[in-house]
Amino acid sequence: MPTGANPKREREFKHLEKQFRQEGRYPGREEEVAARIVNKQRAQQGETRQTRAKADGDGELPIAGYQHLTVAQVREHLDGLTSAQLKQVRNYELAHKKRKGVLEALES
């Protein structure tokens, strides 16, 4: 596993590798295939440096550094946004993190 993977991804990697060995799938390449699967999941969820840089650099969201903010920090920024910007944040949240606290704040 690459440096920077969270404990959940480490567990997934070990589980996949063990499962492949038990099933006899990908003989001699179990570790490589498990790492590729987990890395693909990390990229899709925005957990890699490359995807974070891409998300930070596109400037689509009205809140700077949104991807790295906590629920409380996001709530602080919502007051000054227009309805179109709130909709944009809501769509992003639904597509990515799906945090209940943020979605509830956006609904009210």
PDB file of N, CA and C in Angstrom:
ATOM      1  N   MET A   1       0.836  -1.183   0.000  1.00  0.00           N
ATOM      2  CA  MET A   1       0.000   0.000   0.000  1.00  0.00           C
ATOM      3  C   MET A   1       0.877   1.242   0.000  1.00  0.00           C
ATOM      4  N   PRO A   2       0.466   2.244  -0.728  1.00  0.00           N
ATOM      5  CA  PRO A   2       1.231   3.488  -0.753  1.00  0.00           C
ATOM      6  C   PRO A   2       1.107   4.247   0.567  1.00  0.00           C
ATOM      7  N   THR A   3       2.077   5.076   0.818  1.00  0.00           N
ATOM      8  CA  THR A   3       2.053   5.900   2.008  1.00  0.00           C
ATOM      9  C   THR A   3       0.876   6.852   1.921  1.00  0.00           C
ATOM     10  N   GLY A   4       0.203   7.061   3.048  1.00  0.00           N
ATOM     11  CA  GLY A   4      -0.914   7.986   3.069  1.00  0.00           C
ATOM     12  C   GLY A   4      -2.264   7.305   3.034  1.00  0.00           C
ATOM     13  N   ALA A   5      -2.307   6.007   2.849  1.00  0.00           N
ATOM     14  CA  ALA A   5      -3.582   5.298   2.856  1.00  0.00           C
ATOM     15  C   ALA A   5      -4.090   5.219   4.290  1.00  0.00           C
ATOM     16  N   ASN A   6      -5.372   5.407   4.474  1.00  0.00           N
ATOM     17  CA  ASN A   6      -5.923   5.384   5.825  1.00  0.00           C
ATOM     18  C   ASN A   6      -6.090   3.940   6.305  1.00  0.00           C
ATOM     19  N   PRO A   7      -6.317   3.748   7.599  1.00  0.00           N
ATOM     20  CA  PRO A   7      -6.421   2.381   8.147  1.00  0.00           C
ATOM     21  C   PRO A   7      -7.514   1.542   7.484  1.00  0.00           C
ATOM     22  N   LYS A   8      -8.610   2.176   7.097  1.00  0.00           N
ATOM     23  CA  LYS A   8      -9.685   1.439   6.434  1.00  0.00           C
ATOM     24  C   LYS A   8      -9.189   0.834   5.131  1.00  0.00           C
ATOM     25  N   ARG A   9      -8.465   1.617   4.348  1.00  0.00           N
ATOM     26  CA  ARG A   9      -7.954   1.124   3.066  1.00  0.00           C
ATOM     27  C   ARG A   9      -6.892   0.045   3.291  1.00  0.00           C
ATOM     28  N   GLU A  10      -6.106   0.190   4.353  1.00  0.00           N
ATOM     29  CA  GLU A  10      -5.112  -0.844   4.678  1.00  0.00           C
ATOM     30  C   GLU A  10      -5.813  -2.172   4.963  1.00  0.00           C
ATOM     31  N   ARG A  11      -6.911  -2.115   5.729  1.00  0.00           N
ATOM     32  CA  ARG A  11      -7.660  -3.334   6.041  1.00  0.00           C
ATOM     33  C   ARG A  11      -8.253  -3.942   4.772  1.00  0.00           C
ATOM     34  N   GLU A  12      -8.787  -3.088   3.904  1.00  0.00           N
ATOM     35  CA  GLU A  12      -9.338  -3.588   2.642  1.00  0.00           C
ATOM     36  C   GLU A  12      -8.265  -4.284   1.817  1.00  0.00           C
ATOM     37  N   PHE A  13      -7.088  -3.672   1.761  1.00  0.00           N
ATOM     38  CA  PHE A  13      -5.973  -4.243   1.001  1.00  0.00           C
ATOM     39  C   PHE A  13      -5.614  -5.628   1.541  1.00  0.00           C
ATOM     40  N   LYS A  14      -5.447  -5.720   2.855  1.00  0.00           N
ATOM     41  CA  LYS A  14      -5.063  -7.001   3.461  1.00  0.00           C
ATOM     42  C   LYS A  14      -6.150  -8.050   3.255  1.00  0.00           C
ATOM     43  N   HIS A  15      -7.397  -7.633   3.373  1.00  0.00           N
ATOM     44  CA  HIS A  15      -8.513  -8.562   3.175  1.00  0.00           C
ATOM     45  C   HIS A  15      -8.537  -9.089   1.730  1.00  0.00           C
ATOM     46  N   LEU A  16      -8.398  -8.189   0.767  1.00  0.00           N
ATOM     47  CA  LEU A  16      -8.399  -8.609  -0.640  1.00  0.00           C
ATOM     48  C   LEU A  16      -7.235  -9.542  -0.941  1.00  0.00           C
ATOM     49  N   GLU A  17      -6.056  -9.183  -0.433  1.00  0.00           N
ATOM     50  CA  GLU A  17      -4.873 -10.004  -0.683  1.00  0.00           C
ATOM     51  C   GLU A  17      -5.075 -11.416  -0.110  1.00  0.00           C
ATOM     52  N   LYS A  18      -5.590 -11.493   1.105  1.00  0.00           N
ATOM     53  CA  LYS A  18      -5.834 -12.782   1.747  1.00  0.00           C
ATOM     54  C   LYS A  18      -6.883 -13.581   0.969  1.00  0.00           C
ATOM     55  N   GLN A  19      -7.934 -12.888   0.541  1.00  0.00           N
ATOM     56  CA  GLN A  19      -9.001 -13.535  -0.211  1.00  0.00           C
ATOM     57  C   GLN A  19      -8.475 -14.100  -1.535  1.00  0.00           C
ATOM     58  N   PHE A  20      -7.656 -13.342  -2.239  1.00  0.00           N
ATOM     59  CA  PHE A  20      -7.099 -13.809  -3.501  1.00  0.00           C
ATOM     60  C   PHE A  20      -6.211 -15.036  -3.293  1.00  0.00           C
ATOM     61  N   ARG A  21      -5.424 -15.030  -2.220  1.00  0.00           N
ATOM     62  CA  ARG A  21      -4.554 -16.180  -1.935  1.00  0.00           C
ATOM     63  C   ARG A  21      -5.392 -17.435  -1.650  1.00  0.00           C
ATOM     64  N   GLN A  22      -6.460 -17.261  -0.848  1.00  0.00           N
ATOM     65  CA  GLN A  22      -7.305 -18.406  -0.499  1.00  0.00           C
ATOM     66  C   GLN A  22      -8.029 -18.966  -1.715  1.00  0.00           C
ATOM     67  N   GLU A  23      -8.457 -18.099  -2.604  1.00  0.00           N
ATOM     68  CA  GLU A  23      -9.203 -18.532  -3.783  1.00  0.00           C
ATOM     69  C   GLU A  23      -8.290 -18.989  -4.918  1.00  0.00           C
ATOM     70  N   GLY A  24      -6.991 -18.700  -4.786  1.00  0.00           N
ATOM     71  CA  GLY A  24      -6.055 -19.068  -5.837  1.00  0.00           C
ATOM     72  C   GLY A  24      -6.143 -18.164  -7.052  1.00  0.00           C
ATOM     73  N   ARG A  25      -6.700 -16.986  -6.868  1.00  0.00           N
ATOM     74  CA  ARG A  25      -6.819 -16.021  -7.968  1.00  0.00           C
ATOM     75  C   ARG A  25      -5.544 -15.211  -8.083  1.00  0.00           C
ATOM     76  N   TYR A  26      -5.180 -14.852  -9.275  1.00  0.00           N
ATOM     77  CA  TYR A  26      -4.006 -14.020  -9.555  1.00  0.00           C
ATOM     78  C   TYR A  26      -2.747 -14.585  -8.901  1.00  0.00           C
ATOM     79  N   PRO A  27      -2.388 -15.832  -9.171  1.00  0.00           N
ATOM     80  CA  PRO A  27      -1.234 -16.436  -8.497  1.00  0.00           C
ATOM     81  C   PRO A  27       0.046 -15.625  -8.705  1.00  0.00           C
ATOM     82  N   GLY A  28       0.682 -15.280  -7.607  1.00  0.00           N
ATOM     83  CA  GLY A  28       1.919 -14.511  -7.631  1.00  0.00           C
ATOM     84  C   GLY A  28       1.695 -13.011  -7.793  1.00  0.00           C
ATOM     85  N   ARG A  29       0.449 -12.594  -8.036  1.00  0.00           N
ATOM     86  CA  ARG A  29       0.154 -11.170  -8.249  1.00  0.00           C
ATOM     87  C   ARG A  29      -0.918 -10.660  -7.287  1.00  0.00           C
ATOM     88  N   GLU A  30      -1.196 -11.432  -6.226  1.00  0.00           N
ATOM     89  CA  GLU A  30      -2.270 -11.079  -5.307  1.00  0.00           C
ATOM     90  C   GLU A  30      -2.080  -9.674  -4.728  1.00  0.00           C
ATOM     91  N   GLU A  31      -0.862  -9.379  -4.299  1.00  0.00           N
ATOM     92  CA  GLU A  31      -0.570  -8.085  -3.685  1.00  0.00           C
ATOM     93  C   GLU A  31      -0.774  -6.948  -4.690  1.00  0.00           C
ATOM     94  N   GLU A  32      -0.285  -7.144  -5.892  1.00  0.00           N
ATOM     95  CA  GLU A  32      -0.401  -6.112  -6.932  1.00  0.00           C
ATOM     96  C   GLU A  32      -1.863  -5.820  -7.270  1.00  0.00           C
ATOM     97  N   VAL A  33      -2.647  -6.860  -7.466  1.00  0.00           N
ATOM     98  CA  VAL A  33      -4.045  -6.683  -7.842  1.00  0.00           C
ATOM     99  C   VAL A  33      -4.825  -6.033  -6.708  1.00  0.00           C
ATOM    100  N   ALA A  34      -4.581  -6.465  -5.476  1.00  0.00           N
ATOM    101  CA  ALA A  34      -5.256  -5.868  -4.323  1.00  0.00           C
ATOM    102  C   ALA A  34      -4.900  -4.384  -4.208  1.00  0.00           C
ATOM    103  N   ALA A  35      -3.634  -4.049  -4.417  1.00  0.00           N
ATOM    104  CA  ALA A  35      -3.211  -2.645  -4.349  1.00  0.00           C
ATOM    105  C   ALA A  35      -3.872  -1.823  -5.444  1.00  0.00           C
ATOM    106  N   ARG A  36      -3.971  -2.385  -6.634  1.00  0.00           N
ATOM    107  CA  ARG A  36      -4.617  -1.652  -7.737  1.00  0.00           C
ATOM    108  C   ARG A  36      -6.092  -1.375  -7.439  1.00  0.00           C
ATOM    109  N   ILE A  37      -6.767  -2.365  -6.893  1.00  0.00           N
ATOM    110  CA  ILE A  37      -8.186  -2.195  -6.564  1.00  0.00           C
ATOM    111  C   ILE A  37      -8.373  -1.112  -5.507  1.00  0.00           C
ATOM    112  N   VAL A  38      -7.570  -1.190  -4.448  1.00  0.00           N
ATOM    113  CA  VAL A  38      -7.689  -0.215  -3.362  1.00  0.00           C
ATOM    114  C   VAL A  38      -7.297   1.180  -3.841  1.00  0.00           C
ATOM    115  N   ASN A  39      -6.260   1.268  -4.655  1.00  0.00           N
ATOM    116  CA  ASN A  39      -5.853   2.575  -5.170  1.00  0.00           C
ATOM    117  C   ASN A  39      -6.920   3.180  -6.076  1.00  0.00           C
ATOM    118  N   LYS A  40      -7.591   2.352  -6.831  1.00  0.00           N
ATOM    119  CA  LYS A  40      -8.667   2.853  -7.677  1.00  0.00           C
ATOM    120  C   LYS A  40      -9.802   3.399  -6.816  1.00  0.00           C
ATOM    121  N   GLN A  41     -10.127   2.693  -5.747  1.00  0.00           N
ATOM    122  CA  GLN A  41     -11.158   3.170  -4.827  1.00  0.00           C
ATOM    123  C   GLN A  41     -10.739   4.487  -4.176  1.00  0.00           C
ATOM    124  N   ARG A  42      -9.485   4.581  -3.789  1.00  0.00           N
ATOM    125  CA  ARG A  42      -8.992   5.822  -3.167  1.00  0.00           C
ATOM    126  C   ARG A  42      -9.105   6.989  -4.139  1.00  0.00           C
ATOM    127  N   ALA A  43      -8.758   6.751  -5.398  1.00  0.00           N
ATOM    128  CA  ALA A  43      -8.830   7.819  -6.397  1.00  0.00           C
ATOM    129  C   ALA A  43     -10.276   8.247  -6.642  1.00  0.00           C
ATOM    130  N   GLN A  44     -11.179   7.289  -6.695  1.00  0.00           N
ATOM    131  CA  GLN A  44     -12.580   7.608  -6.923  1.00  0.00           C
ATOM    132  C   GLN A  44     -13.178   8.402  -5.772  1.00  0.00           C
ATOM    133  N   GLN A  45     -12.688   8.185  -4.568  1.00  0.00           N
ATOM    134  CA  GLN A  45     -13.194   8.886  -3.397  1.00  0.00           C
ATOM    135  C   GLN A  45     -12.418  10.165  -3.091  1.00  0.00           C
ATOM    136  N   GLY A  46     -11.438  10.487  -3.925  1.00  0.00           N
ATOM    137  CA  GLY A  46     -10.674  11.720  -3.724  1.00  0.00           C
ATOM    138  C   GLY A  46      -9.676  11.639  -2.585  1.00  0.00           C
ATOM    139  N   GLU A  47      -9.166  10.452  -2.299  1.00  0.00           N
ATOM    140  CA  GLU A  47      -8.258  10.252  -1.182  1.00  0.00           C
ATOM    141  C   GLU A  47      -6.785  10.281  -1.585  1.00  0.00           C
ATOM    142  N   THR A  48      -6.504  10.450  -2.862  1.00  0.00           N
ATOM    143  CA  THR A  48      -5.110  10.480  -3.299  1.00  0.00           C
ATOM    144  C   THR A  48      -4.667  11.924  -3.504  1.00  0.00           C
ATOM    145  N   ARG A  49      -3.378  12.140  -3.448  1.00  0.00           N
ATOM    146  CA  ARG A  49      -2.847  13.492  -3.646  1.00  0.00           C
ATOM    147  C   ARG A  49      -3.262  14.063  -5.002  1.00  0.00           C
ATOM    148  N   GLN A  50      -3.189  13.229  -6.007  1.00  0.00           N
ATOM    149  CA  GLN A  50      -3.499  13.680  -7.362  1.00  0.00           C
ATOM    150  C   GLN A  50      -4.957  14.119  -7.480  1.00  0.00           C
ATOM    151  N   THR A  51      -5.882  13.337  -6.955  1.00  0.00           N
ATOM    152  CA  THR A  51      -7.293  13.718  -7.062  1.00  0.00           C
ATOM    153  C   THR A  51      -7.614  14.907  -6.170  1.00  0.00           C
ATOM    154  N   ARG A  52      -6.936  15.023  -5.020  1.00  0.00           N
ATOM    155  CA  ARG A  52      -7.148  16.189  -4.158  1.00  0.00           C
ATOM    156  C   ARG A  52      -6.658  17.453  -4.839  1.00  0.00           C
ATOM    157  N   ALA A  53      -5.509  17.362  -5.489  1.00  0.00           N
ATOM    158  CA  ALA A  53      -4.956  18.532  -6.188  1.00  0.00           C
ATOM    159  C   ALA A  53      -5.877  18.940  -7.329  1.00  0.00           C
ATOM    160  N   LYS A  54      -6.406  17.962  -8.022  1.00  0.00           N
ATOM    161  CA  LYS A  54      -7.320  18.228  -9.119  1.00  0.00           C
ATOM    162  C   LYS A  54      -8.589  18.907  -8.593  1.00  0.00           C
ATOM    163  N   ALA A  55      -9.121  18.399  -7.486  1.00  0.00           N
ATOM    164  CA  ALA A  55     -10.342  18.953  -6.907  1.00  0.00           C
ATOM    165  C   ALA A  55     -10.104  20.362  -6.363  1.00  0.00           C
ATOM    166  N   ASP A  56      -8.961  20.595  -5.752  1.00  0.00           N
ATOM    167  CA  ASP A  56      -8.653  21.920  -5.216  1.00  0.00           C
ATOM    168  C   ASP A  56      -8.430  22.918  -6.333  1.00  0.00           C
ATOM    169  N   GLY A  57      -7.866  22.483  -7.420  1.00  0.00           N
ATOM    170  CA  GLY A  57      -7.490  23.384  -8.482  1.00  0.00           C
ATOM    171  C   GLY A  57      -8.612  23.759  -9.437  1.00  0.00           C
ATOM    172  N   ASP A  58      -9.723  23.005  -9.440  1.00  0.00           N
ATOM    173  CA  ASP A  58     -10.737  23.323 -10.435  1.00  0.00           C
ATOM    174  C   ASP A  58     -11.604  24.511 -10.057  1.00  0.00           C
ATOM    175  N   GLY A  59     -11.634  24.890  -8.796  1.00  0.00           N
ATOM    176  CA  GLY A  59     -12.314  26.096  -8.371  1.00  0.00           C
ATOM    177  C   GLY A  59     -13.812  26.100  -8.621  1.00  0.00           C
ATOM    178  N   GLU A  60     -14.435  24.964  -8.729  1.00  0.00           N
ATOM    179  CA  GLU A  60     -15.860  24.903  -9.003  1.00  0.00           C
ATOM    180  C   GLU A  60     -16.706  25.262  -7.793  1.00  0.00           C
ATOM    181  N   LEU A  61     -16.251  24.943  -6.620  1.00  0.00           N
ATOM    182  CA  LEU A  61     -17.048  25.174  -5.427  1.00  0.00           C
ATOM    183  C   LEU A  61     -16.861  26.592  -4.896  1.00  0.00           C
ATOM    184  N   PRO A  62     -17.935  27.177  -4.364  1.00  0.00           N
ATOM    185  CA  PRO A  62     -17.848  28.549  -3.866  1.00  0.00           C
ATOM    186  C   PRO A  62     -17.115  28.683  -2.533  1.00  0.00           C
ATOM    187  N   ILE A  63     -16.777  27.565  -1.892  1.00  0.00           N
ATOM    188  CA  ILE A  63     -16.067  27.585  -0.616  1.00  0.00           C
ATOM    189  C   ILE A  63     -14.648  27.068  -0.859  1.00  0.00           C
ATOM    190  N   ALA A  64     -13.662  27.922  -0.617  1.00  0.00           N
ATOM    191  CA  ALA A  64     -12.260  27.545  -0.846  1.00  0.00           C
ATOM    192  C   ALA A  64     -11.844  26.413   0.085  1.00  0.00           C
ATOM    193  N   GLY A  65     -11.177  25.408  -0.472  1.00  0.00           N
ATOM    194  CA  GLY A  65     -10.673  24.285   0.314  1.00  0.00           C
ATOM    195  C   GLY A  65     -11.766  23.415   0.891  1.00  0.00           C
ATOM    196  N   TYR A  66     -12.924  23.427   0.277  1.00  0.00           N
ATOM    197  CA  TYR A  66     -14.101  22.713   0.784  1.00  0.00           C
ATOM    198  C   TYR A  66     -13.805  21.256   1.125  1.00  0.00           C
ATOM    199  N   GLN A  67     -13.051  20.584   0.280  1.00  0.00           N
ATOM    200  CA  GLN A  67     -12.806  19.156   0.450  1.00  0.00           C
ATOM    201  C   GLN A  67     -12.126  18.819   1.769  1.00  0.00           C
ATOM    202  N   HIS A  68     -11.452  19.787   2.372  1.00  0.00           N
ATOM    203  CA  HIS A  68     -10.690  19.525   3.586  1.00  0.00           C
ATOM    204  C   HIS A  68     -11.348  20.105   4.833  1.00  0.00           C
ATOM    205  N   LEU A  69     -12.554  20.647   4.698  1.00  0.00           N
ATOM    206  CA  LEU A  69     -13.234  21.267   5.827  1.00  0.00           C
ATOM    207  C   LEU A  69     -14.068  20.250   6.597  1.00  0.00           C
ATOM    208  N   THR A  70     -14.214  20.498   7.900  1.00  0.00           N
ATOM    209  CA  THR A  70     -15.091  19.673   8.723  1.00  0.00           C
ATOM    210  C   THR A  70     -16.525  20.140   8.537  1.00  0.00           C
ATOM    211  N   VAL A  71     -17.462  19.388   9.078  1.00  0.00           N
ATOM    212  CA  VAL A  71     -18.872  19.755   8.976  1.00  0.00           C
ATOM    213  C   VAL A  71     -19.102  21.118   9.616  1.00  0.00           C
ATOM    214  N   ALA A  72     -18.539  21.338  10.790  1.00  0.00           N
ATOM    215  CA  ALA A  72     -18.718  22.621  11.483  1.00  0.00           C
ATOM    216  C   ALA A  72     -18.154  23.779  10.656  1.00  0.00           C
ATOM    217  N   GLN A  73     -17.019  23.578  10.039  1.00  0.00           N
ATOM    218  CA  GLN A  73     -16.413  24.629   9.218  1.00  0.00           C
ATOM    219  C   GLN A  73     -17.261  24.919   7.983  1.00  0.00           C
ATOM    220  N   VAL A  74     -17.824  23.887   7.393  1.00  0.00           N
ATOM    221  CA  VAL A  74     -18.676  24.084   6.214  1.00  0.00           C
ATOM    222  C   VAL A  74     -19.909  24.883   6.609  1.00  0.00           C
ATOM    223  N   ARG A  75     -20.515  24.527   7.754  1.00  0.00           N
ATOM    224  CA  ARG A  75     -21.713  25.238   8.224  1.00  0.00           C
ATOM    225  C   ARG A  75     -21.446  26.730   8.384  1.00  0.00           C
ATOM    226  N   GLU A  76     -20.263  27.077   8.860  1.00  0.00           N
ATOM    227  CA  GLU A  76     -19.911  28.490   9.040  1.00  0.00           C
ATOM    228  C   GLU A  76     -19.916  29.242   7.711  1.00  0.00           C
ATOM    229  N   HIS A  77     -19.571  28.584   6.640  1.00  0.00           N
ATOM    230  CA  HIS A  77     -19.465  29.231   5.327  1.00  0.00           C
ATOM    231  C   HIS A  77     -20.789  29.299   4.565  1.00  0.00           C
ATOM    232  N   LEU A  78     -21.792  28.569   4.995  1.00  0.00           N
ATOM    233  CA  LEU A  78     -23.030  28.477   4.222  1.00  0.00           C
ATOM    234  C   LEU A  78     -23.873  29.748   4.248  1.00  0.00           C
ATOM    235  N   ASP A  79     -23.778  30.531   5.313  1.00  0.00           N
ATOM    236  CA  ASP A  79     -24.641  31.714   5.468  1.00  0.00           C
ATOM    237  C   ASP A  79     -24.499  32.720   4.338  1.00  0.00           C
ATOM    238  N   GLY A  80     -23.313  32.919   3.819  1.00  0.00           N
ATOM    239  CA  GLY A  80     -23.092  33.946   2.810  1.00  0.00           C
ATOM    240  C   GLY A  80     -23.286  33.497   1.370  1.00  0.00           C
ATOM    241  N   LEU A  81     -23.819  32.297   1.153  1.00  0.00           N
ATOM    242  CA  LEU A  81     -23.938  31.766  -0.205  1.00  0.00           C
ATOM    243  C   LEU A  81     -25.325  32.002  -0.791  1.00  0.00           C
ATOM    244  N   THR A  82     -25.368  32.154  -2.094  1.00  0.00           N
ATOM    245  CA  THR A  82     -26.640  32.294  -2.806  1.00  0.00           C
ATOM    246  C   THR A  82     -27.304  30.926  -2.925  1.00  0.00           C
ATOM    247  N   SER A  83     -28.562  30.909  -3.347  1.00  0.00           N
ATOM    248  CA  SER A  83     -29.265  29.626  -3.491  1.00  0.00           C
ATOM    249  C   SER A  83     -28.603  28.750  -4.559  1.00  0.00           C
ATOM    250  N   ALA A  84     -28.083  29.364  -5.612  1.00  0.00           N
ATOM    251  CA  ALA A  84     -27.395  28.593  -6.659  1.00  0.00           C
ATOM    252  C   ALA A  84     -26.109  27.976  -6.116  1.00  0.00           C
ATOM    253  N   GLN A  85     -25.384  28.727  -5.299  1.00  0.00           N
ATOM    254  CA  GLN A  85     -24.148  28.209  -4.711  1.00  0.00           C
ATOM    255  C   GLN A  85     -24.452  27.098  -3.713  1.00  0.00           C
ATOM    256  N   LEU A  86     -25.529  27.254  -2.934  1.00  0.00           N
ATOM    257  CA  LEU A  86     -25.924  26.211  -1.982  1.00  0.00           C
ATOM    258  C   LEU A  86     -26.278  24.924  -2.730  1.00  0.00           C
ATOM    259  N   LYS A  87     -26.954  25.069  -3.854  1.00  0.00           N
ATOM    260  CA  LYS A  87     -27.301  23.905  -4.667  1.00  0.00           C
ATOM    261  C   LYS A  87     -26.044  23.224  -5.197  1.00  0.00           C
ATOM    262  N   GLN A  88     -25.071  24.033  -5.588  1.00  0.00           N
ATOM    263  CA  GLN A  88     -23.799  23.498  -6.092  1.00  0.00           C
ATOM    264  C   GLN A  88     -23.067  22.711  -5.000  1.00  0.00           C
ATOM    265  N   VAL A  89     -23.036  23.259  -3.788  1.00  0.00           N
ATOM    266  CA  VAL A  89     -22.395  22.576  -2.657  1.00  0.00           C
ATOM    267  C   VAL A  89     -23.149  21.287  -2.334  1.00  0.00           C
ATOM    268  N   ARG A  90     -24.472  21.352  -2.356  1.00  0.00           N
ATOM    269  CA  ARG A  90     -25.291  20.168  -2.061  1.00  0.00           C
ATOM    270  C   ARG A  90     -25.020  19.061  -3.077  1.00  0.00           C
ATOM    271  N   ASN A  91     -24.991  19.412  -4.345  1.00  0.00           N
ATOM    272  CA  ASN A  91     -24.726  18.413  -5.385  1.00  0.00           C
ATOM    273  C   ASN A  91     -23.348  17.777  -5.212  1.00  0.00           C
ATOM    274  N   TYR A  92     -22.360  18.609  -4.879  1.00  0.00           N
ATOM    275  CA  TYR A  92     -21.018  18.086  -4.663  1.00  0.00           C
ATOM    276  C   TYR A  92     -21.007  17.134  -3.469  1.00  0.00           C
ATOM    277  N   GLU A  93     -21.649  17.551  -2.383  1.00  0.00           N
ATOM    278  CA  GLU A  93     -21.672  16.732  -1.165  1.00  0.00           C
ATOM    279  C   GLU A  93     -22.361  15.395  -1.430  1.00  0.00           C
ATOM    280  N   LEU A  94     -23.452  15.407  -2.156  1.00  0.00           N
ATOM    281  CA  LEU A  94     -24.155  14.164  -2.482  1.00  0.00           C
ATOM    282  C   LEU A  94     -23.313  13.251  -3.361  1.00  0.00           C
ATOM    283  N   ALA A  95     -22.536  13.827  -4.240  1.00  0.00           N
ATOM    284  CA  ALA A  95     -21.717  13.031  -5.153  1.00  0.00           C
ATOM    285  C   ALA A  95     -20.439  12.513  -4.507  1.00  0.00           C
ATOM    286  N   HIS A  96     -20.005  13.132  -3.405  1.00  0.00           N
ATOM    287  CA  HIS A  96     -18.720  12.749  -2.837  1.00  0.00           C
ATOM    288  C   HIS A  96     -18.814  12.223  -1.409  1.00  0.00           C
ATOM    289  N   LYS A  97     -18.890  13.093  -0.441  1.00  0.00           N
ATOM    290  CA  LYS A  97     -18.755  12.663   0.948  1.00  0.00           C
ATOM    291  C   LYS A  97     -20.063  12.240   1.611  1.00  0.00           C
ATOM    292  N   LYS A  98     -21.178  12.838   1.223  1.00  0.00           N
ATOM    293  CA  LYS A  98     -22.502  12.497   1.764  1.00  0.00           C
ATOM    294  C   LYS A  98     -22.560  12.633   3.286  1.00  0.00           C
ATOM    295  N   ARG A  99     -22.001  13.707   3.818  1.00  0.00           N
ATOM    296  CA  ARG A  99     -22.007  13.917   5.268  1.00  0.00           C
ATOM    297  C   ARG A  99     -23.381  14.412   5.702  1.00  0.00           C
ATOM    298  N   LYS A 100     -23.993  13.707   6.662  1.00  0.00           N
ATOM    299  CA  LYS A 100     -25.336  14.034   7.116  1.00  0.00           C
ATOM    300  C   LYS A 100     -25.425  15.454   7.665  1.00  0.00           C
ATOM    301  N   GLY A 101     -24.434  15.851   8.456  1.00  0.00           N
ATOM    302  CA  GLY A 101     -24.456  17.181   9.057  1.00  0.00           C
ATOM    303  C   GLY A 101     -24.468  18.297   8.028  1.00  0.00           C
ATOM    304  N   VAL A 102     -23.709  18.136   6.973  1.00  0.00           N
ATOM    305  CA  VAL A 102     -23.668  19.158   5.917  1.00  0.00           C
ATOM    306  C   VAL A 102     -24.974  19.156   5.146  1.00  0.00           C
ATOM    307  N   LEU A 103     -25.470  17.977   4.817  1.00  0.00           N
ATOM    308  CA  LEU A 103     -26.720  17.894   4.058  1.00  0.00           C
ATOM    309  C   LEU A 103     -27.897  18.452   4.853  1.00  0.00           C
ATOM    310  N   GLU A 104     -27.918  18.196   6.157  1.00  0.00           N
ATOM    311  CA  GLU A 104     -28.971  18.761   7.000  1.00  0.00           C
ATOM    312  C   GLU A 104     -28.888  20.282   7.042  1.00  0.00           C
ATOM    313  N   ALA A 105     -27.691  20.813   7.146  1.00  0.00           N
ATOM    314  CA  ALA A 105     -27.502  22.267   7.166  1.00  0.00           C
ATOM    315  C   ALA A 105     -27.933  22.879   5.832  1.00  0.00           C
ATOM    316  N   LEU A 106     -27.707  22.197   4.747  1.00  0.00           N
ATOM    317  CA  LEU A 106     -28.101  22.700   3.443  1.00  0.00           C
ATOM    318  C   LEU A 106     -29.613  22.654   3.241  1.00  0.00           C
ATOM    319  N   GLU A 107     -30.267  21.695   3.869  1.00  0.00           N
ATOM    320  CA  GLU A 107     -31.718  21.561   3.758  1.00  0.00           C
ATOM    321  C   GLU A 107     -32.431  22.685   4.505  1.00  0.00           C
ATOM    322  N   SER A 108     -31.854  23.143   5.611  1.00  0.00           N
ATOM    323  CA  SER A 108     -32.526  24.178   6.421  1.00  0.00           C
ATOM    324  C   SER A 108     -32.252  25.574   5.934  1.00  0.00           C
TER     325      SER A 108
END
